[in-house]
Amino acid sequence: MTPLSAPERRGPGTQYAGGSMESHFWTSILASLLAAAVTTAGLFVIRRFEAWGRANTTYFACFAAGVLISVSFLHIIPTALGMIAAAPVYLLAGYLLMHVLNRFLAGFVCDKPETADYALGLIPLLGIGFHSFIDGVIYSVTFKISLFTGVLASIGMVLHEFPEGIVTYLLLLRGGFSKTRALVLSFVAAAASTPLGALVAYPLVARISPEVLGAALALSAGALVYVGATHLLPHAEREPRRYSLIALAAGIVTAAIIVGSKG
């Protein structure tokens, strides 16, 4: 697989990697709305079929982690390296930013004993809400690079939106929230924040240079690696299932086949 070449500097509204800026905008928005719909479906499933949702969350998490990690290392990171030499620095920064945010949230809320149970739901709510917002940003960044890059990133992100909505809802319930409030908060954090991220980010990426865009793509890759390797896999390992390794392998193989099909 050969990384995409860095796009040339062009004026506003010109063609970029296979389409107009307007078409990339609508594609990224539609992808983010699809992710929001998948999350909403996850919330519906866990609300109506809680036993089934709990039984399969680990498999969803493992498969999505395999896709996200593989897509990042096989395609997104090489693409960013082709656009900016300092891509590894931004990759590390994206990963550490997500880690520091989670550590800050955990330390800020969990150091108060009287809010320990409440924090059980609040921390995932804030963390997953930020993840979902970043997902929306990633849609805008990756679809700006090319349709292929955007689709690759979307596959893993859309798949992991489903279990994230479920996990958010269940932990809010365990933290003491009512079913209605947990449902509304889960929708806002894990679903609505994704198209919001795409809308906020797109005007910022529409007229930037290839170097800056490459840096943003590397940051996005760091976030994806964090979500897959540090967020989803540890969750799956805490609830070991018989076929979880197969689910992870299936995600890796799926990503490799899609990337390899590009030639």
Protein backbone atom coordinates (compact mmCIF):
# COMPACT_ATOMS: atom_id res chain seq x y z
CA MET A 1 0.00 0.00 0.00
CA THR A 2 1.43 3.34 -1.08
CA PRO A 3 0.55 6.38 1.09
CA LEU A 4 -1.43 9.13 -0.55
CA SER A 5 0.75 11.89 -1.86
CA ALA A 6 0.52 15.26 -0.20
CA PRO A 7 -2.04 17.46 -1.93
CA GLU A 8 -0.82 20.55 -3.68
CA ARG A 9 -1.50 23.98 -2.31
CA ARG A 10 -4.68 25.23 -3.90
CA GLY A 11 -7.09 28.02 -3.53
CA PRO A 12 -10.44 27.88 -1.73
CA GLY A 13 -13.14 25.84 -3.44
CA THR A 14 -10.78 23.92 -5.74
CA GLN A 15 -10.63 20.16 -6.24
CA TYR A 16 -8.89 18.21 -3.48
CA ALA A 17 -7.97 14.52 -3.74
CA GLY A 18 -10.90 13.44 -5.85
CA GLY A 19 -13.69 15.94 -5.19
CA SER A 20 -14.74 19.49 -4.44
CA MET A 21 -14.57 21.05 -1.00
CA GLU A 22 -18.38 21.12 -0.89
CA SER A 23 -18.65 17.41 -1.65
CA HIS A 24 -16.08 16.61 1.05
CA PHE A 25 -18.10 18.68 3.51
CA TRP A 26 -21.31 16.81 2.87
CA THR A 27 -19.53 13.45 2.88
CA SER A 28 -17.96 14.13 6.27
CA ILE A 29 -21.26 15.40 7.67
CA LEU A 30 -23.13 12.35 6.38
CA ALA A 31 -20.46 10.07 7.87
CA SER A 32 -20.74 11.79 11.25
CA LEU A 33 -24.54 11.54 11.12
CA LEU A 34 -24.20 7.84 10.34
CA ALA A 35 -21.98 7.44 13.39
CA ALA A 36 -24.57 9.30 15.49
CA ALA A 37 -27.30 7.02 14.12
CA VAL A 38 -25.26 3.93 14.98
CA THR A 39 -24.76 5.23 18.52
CA THR A 40 -28.47 5.93 18.83
CA ALA A 41 -29.16 2.40 17.63
CA GLY A 42 -26.81 1.12 20.33
CA LEU A 43 -28.74 3.09 22.96
CA PHE A 44 -32.02 1.70 21.62
CA VAL A 45 -30.68 -1.85 21.71
CA ILE A 46 -29.39 -1.61 25.27
CA ARG A 47 -32.62 0.04 26.41
CA ARG A 48 -34.81 -2.64 24.83
CA PHE A 49 -32.49 -5.66 24.83
CA GLU A 50 -30.13 -5.02 27.73
CA ALA A 51 -29.10 -8.67 28.17
CA TRP A 52 -28.10 -9.01 24.49
CA GLY A 53 -26.25 -5.71 24.49
CA ARG A 54 -24.20 -6.60 27.54
CA ALA A 55 -23.45 -10.03 26.11
CA ASN A 56 -21.93 -8.65 22.89
CA THR A 57 -20.30 -5.35 23.89
CA THR A 58 -16.90 -7.00 24.33
CA TYR A 59 -16.99 -8.38 20.80
CA PHE A 60 -17.91 -5.00 19.33
CA ALA A 61 -15.11 -3.36 21.29
CA CYS A 62 -12.49 -5.92 20.17
CA PHE A 63 -13.49 -5.77 16.50
CA ALA A 64 -13.54 -1.98 16.47
CA ALA A 65 -10.16 -1.83 18.24
CA GLY A 66 -8.64 -4.09 15.59
CA VAL A 67 -9.95 -1.88 12.80
CA LEU A 68 -8.92 1.41 14.42
CA ILE A 69 -5.37 0.35 15.30
CA SER A 70 -4.75 -1.32 11.93
CA VAL A 71 -6.17 1.55 9.89
CA SER A 72 -4.01 4.01 11.84
CA PHE A 73 -0.74 2.14 11.32
CA LEU A 74 -1.35 0.82 7.81
CA HIS A 75 -2.80 3.92 6.17
CA ILE A 76 -3.43 7.09 8.19
CA ILE A 77 0.03 7.39 9.74
CA PRO A 78 1.87 6.73 6.43
CA THR A 79 -0.38 9.32 4.79
CA ALA A 80 0.50 11.89 7.46
CA LEU A 81 4.20 11.09 7.08
CA GLY A 82 3.91 11.83 3.37
CA MET A 83 2.55 15.29 4.15
CA ILE A 84 4.74 16.45 7.03
CA ALA A 85 8.09 15.16 8.34
CA ALA A 86 7.18 15.92 11.95
CA ALA A 87 4.12 13.65 11.83
CA PRO A 88 5.46 11.33 14.60
CA VAL A 89 5.60 14.28 16.99
CA TYR A 90 1.95 15.11 16.34
CA LEU A 91 1.01 11.44 16.54
CA LEU A 92 2.52 11.25 20.02
CA ALA A 93 0.87 14.54 20.97
CA GLY A 94 -2.56 13.26 19.93
CA TYR A 95 -2.13 10.12 21.98
CA LEU A 96 -0.83 11.94 25.05
CA LEU A 97 -3.55 14.58 24.85
CA MET A 98 -6.21 11.90 25.15
CA HIS A 99 -4.34 10.21 27.99
CA VAL A 100 -3.82 13.42 29.96
CA LEU A 101 -7.48 14.37 29.53
CA ASN A 102 -8.65 11.05 30.96
CA ARG A 103 -6.17 11.26 33.84
CA PHE A 104 -7.29 14.82 34.62
CA LEU A 105 -10.96 13.85 34.64
CA ALA A 106 -10.31 10.83 36.83
CA GLY A 107 -8.18 12.78 39.32
CA PHE A 108 -10.50 15.78 39.45
CA VAL A 109 -13.67 13.82 40.16
CA CYS A 110 -12.59 10.62 41.89
CA ASP A 111 -10.59 12.32 44.64
CA LYS A 112 -13.89 13.21 46.35
CA PRO A 113 -15.31 10.23 48.28
CA GLU A 114 -18.81 11.69 48.39
CA THR A 115 -18.98 11.73 44.59
CA ALA A 116 -17.35 8.34 43.97
CA ASP A 117 -20.51 6.64 42.69
CA TYR A 118 -21.50 9.65 40.63
CA ALA A 119 -18.06 9.74 39.08
CA LEU A 120 -18.51 6.17 37.88
CA GLY A 121 -20.93 7.50 35.30
CA LEU A 122 -19.60 11.03 34.87
CA ILE A 123 -16.04 10.14 33.86
CA PRO A 124 -17.08 7.85 30.99
CA LEU A 125 -19.64 10.45 29.96
CA LEU A 126 -17.01 13.18 29.65
CA GLY A 127 -14.34 10.92 28.21
CA ILE A 128 -16.57 9.30 25.59
CA GLY A 129 -18.13 12.66 24.80
CA PHE A 130 -14.67 14.03 24.03
CA HIS A 131 -13.82 10.93 22.01
CA SER A 132 -16.99 11.33 19.96
CA PHE A 133 -16.28 15.02 19.35
CA ILE A 134 -12.78 14.08 18.19
CA ASP A 135 -14.36 11.48 15.91
CA GLY A 136 -16.29 14.27 14.23
CA VAL A 137 -13.08 16.27 13.81
CA ILE A 138 -11.42 13.19 12.32
CA TYR A 139 -14.20 12.86 9.76
CA SER A 140 -13.57 16.40 8.53
CA VAL A 141 -9.79 15.93 8.47
CA THR A 142 -9.71 12.50 6.82
CA PHE A 143 -12.34 13.22 4.17
CA LYS A 144 -10.39 16.39 3.33
CA ILE A 145 -7.39 14.17 2.52
CA SER A 146 -9.33 11.76 0.31
CA LEU A 147 -12.53 9.76 0.17
CA PHE A 148 -10.55 6.53 0.71
CA THR A 149 -8.84 7.82 3.86
CA GLY A 150 -12.15 9.07 5.21
CA VAL A 151 -13.90 5.77 4.55
CA LEU A 152 -11.12 3.80 6.26
CA ALA A 153 -11.30 5.96 9.38
CA SER A 154 -15.10 5.88 9.32
CA ILE A 155 -15.29 2.09 9.36
CA GLY A 156 -13.56 1.75 12.70
CA MET A 157 -15.16 4.83 14.24
CA VAL A 158 -18.72 3.91 13.22
CA LEU A 159 -18.20 0.40 14.61
CA HIS A 160 -16.89 1.62 17.94
CA GLU A 161 -19.69 4.19 18.30
CA PHE A 162 -22.16 1.35 18.92
CA PRO A 163 -20.49 -0.13 22.03
CA GLU A 164 -19.50 3.33 23.32
CA GLY A 165 -23.15 4.38 23.46
CA ILE A 166 -23.97 1.18 25.32
CA VAL A 167 -21.08 1.53 27.76
CA THR A 168 -21.93 5.18 28.47
CA TYR A 169 -25.57 4.36 29.22
CA LEU A 170 -24.80 1.38 31.47
CA LEU A 171 -22.19 3.22 33.53
CA LEU A 172 -24.47 6.21 34.02
CA LEU A 173 -27.13 3.87 35.35
CA ARG A 174 -24.58 2.25 37.67
CA GLY A 175 -23.50 5.71 38.83
CA GLY A 176 -27.01 6.56 40.05
CA PHE A 177 -28.60 8.35 37.09
CA SER A 178 -32.23 7.65 36.18
CA LYS A 179 -32.92 5.70 32.96
CA THR A 180 -34.31 8.77 31.18
CA ARG A 181 -31.47 11.05 32.21
CA ALA A 182 -28.87 8.41 31.37
CA LEU A 183 -30.41 7.97 27.92
CA VAL A 184 -30.44 11.71 27.19
CA LEU A 185 -26.90 12.30 28.46
CA SER A 186 -25.60 9.28 26.55
CA PHE A 187 -27.18 10.55 23.34
CA VAL A 188 -25.68 14.02 23.75
CA ALA A 189 -22.20 12.77 24.67
CA ALA A 190 -21.81 9.73 22.42
CA ALA A 191 -24.05 10.61 19.45
CA ALA A 192 -24.77 14.33 18.98
CA SER A 193 -21.18 15.36 19.72
CA THR A 194 -19.90 13.59 16.58
CA PRO A 195 -21.66 15.72 13.93
CA LEU A 196 -20.96 18.75 16.15
CA GLY A 197 -17.23 17.98 15.94
CA ALA A 198 -17.44 17.67 12.16
CA LEU A 199 -19.27 20.99 11.85
CA VAL A 200 -16.85 22.82 14.13
CA ALA A 201 -13.74 21.39 12.48
CA TYR A 202 -14.60 21.66 8.81
CA PRO A 203 -14.31 25.46 8.41
CA LEU A 204 -10.86 25.20 10.02
CA VAL A 205 -9.55 22.51 7.67
CA ALA A 206 -11.09 23.83 4.46
CA ARG A 207 -8.33 26.37 3.71
CA ILE A 208 -5.23 25.20 5.55
CA SER A 209 -1.92 24.13 4.02
CA PRO A 210 -1.02 20.47 3.40
CA GLU A 211 1.56 20.60 6.20
CA VAL A 212 -0.97 21.75 8.78
CA LEU A 213 -3.47 19.24 7.46
CA GLY A 214 -0.87 16.48 7.80
CA ALA A 215 -0.28 17.52 11.41
CA ALA A 216 -4.01 17.39 12.09
CA LEU A 217 -4.18 13.95 10.49
CA ALA A 218 -1.32 12.73 12.71
CA LEU A 219 -3.11 14.11 15.77
CA SER A 220 -6.21 12.26 14.62
CA ALA A 221 -4.23 9.03 14.25
CA GLY A 222 -2.91 9.43 17.78
CA ALA A 223 -6.49 9.79 19.01
CA LEU A 224 -7.57 6.70 17.07
CA VAL A 225 -4.72 4.61 18.48
CA TYR A 226 -5.64 5.77 21.96
CA VAL A 227 -9.30 4.88 21.49
CA GLY A 228 -8.44 1.45 20.10
CA ALA A 229 -5.43 0.40 22.18
CA THR A 230 -5.96 2.24 25.47
CA HIS A 231 -9.72 2.67 25.68
CA LEU A 232 -11.44 -0.25 23.95
CA LEU A 233 -9.00 -3.14 24.46
CA PRO A 234 -8.53 -2.68 28.24
CA HIS A 235 -12.31 -2.56 28.61
CA ALA A 236 -12.56 -5.84 26.70
CA GLU A 237 -9.78 -7.43 28.77
CA ARG A 238 -11.63 -6.64 31.98
CA GLU A 239 -14.53 -8.73 30.67
CA PRO A 240 -12.79 -11.65 28.92
CA ARG A 241 -14.90 -13.58 26.43
CA ARG A 242 -14.18 -16.83 24.65
CA TYR A 243 -14.03 -15.38 21.14
CA SER A 244 -12.72 -11.88 21.91
CA LEU A 245 -9.34 -12.60 20.30
CA ILE A 246 -11.12 -13.79 17.16
CA ALA A 247 -13.13 -10.57 17.10
CA LEU A 248 -9.92 -8.54 17.39
CA ALA A 249 -8.28 -10.57 14.62
CA ALA A 250 -11.35 -10.10 12.43
CA GLY A 251 -11.04 -6.33 12.82
CA ILE A 252 -7.35 -6.43 11.89
CA VAL A 253 -7.98 -8.63 8.84
CA THR A 254 -10.89 -6.47 7.70
CA ALA A 255 -8.76 -3.32 7.85
CA ALA A 256 -5.84 -5.02 6.11
CA ILE A 257 -8.05 -6.24 3.28
CA ILE A 258 -9.56 -2.80 2.73
CA VAL A 259 -6.18 -1.06 2.81
CA GLY A 260 -4.65 -3.73 0.58
CA SER A 261 -7.46 -3.34 -1.96
CA LYS A 262 -6.13 0.14 -2.66
CA GLY A 263 -3.05 -1.51 -4.14
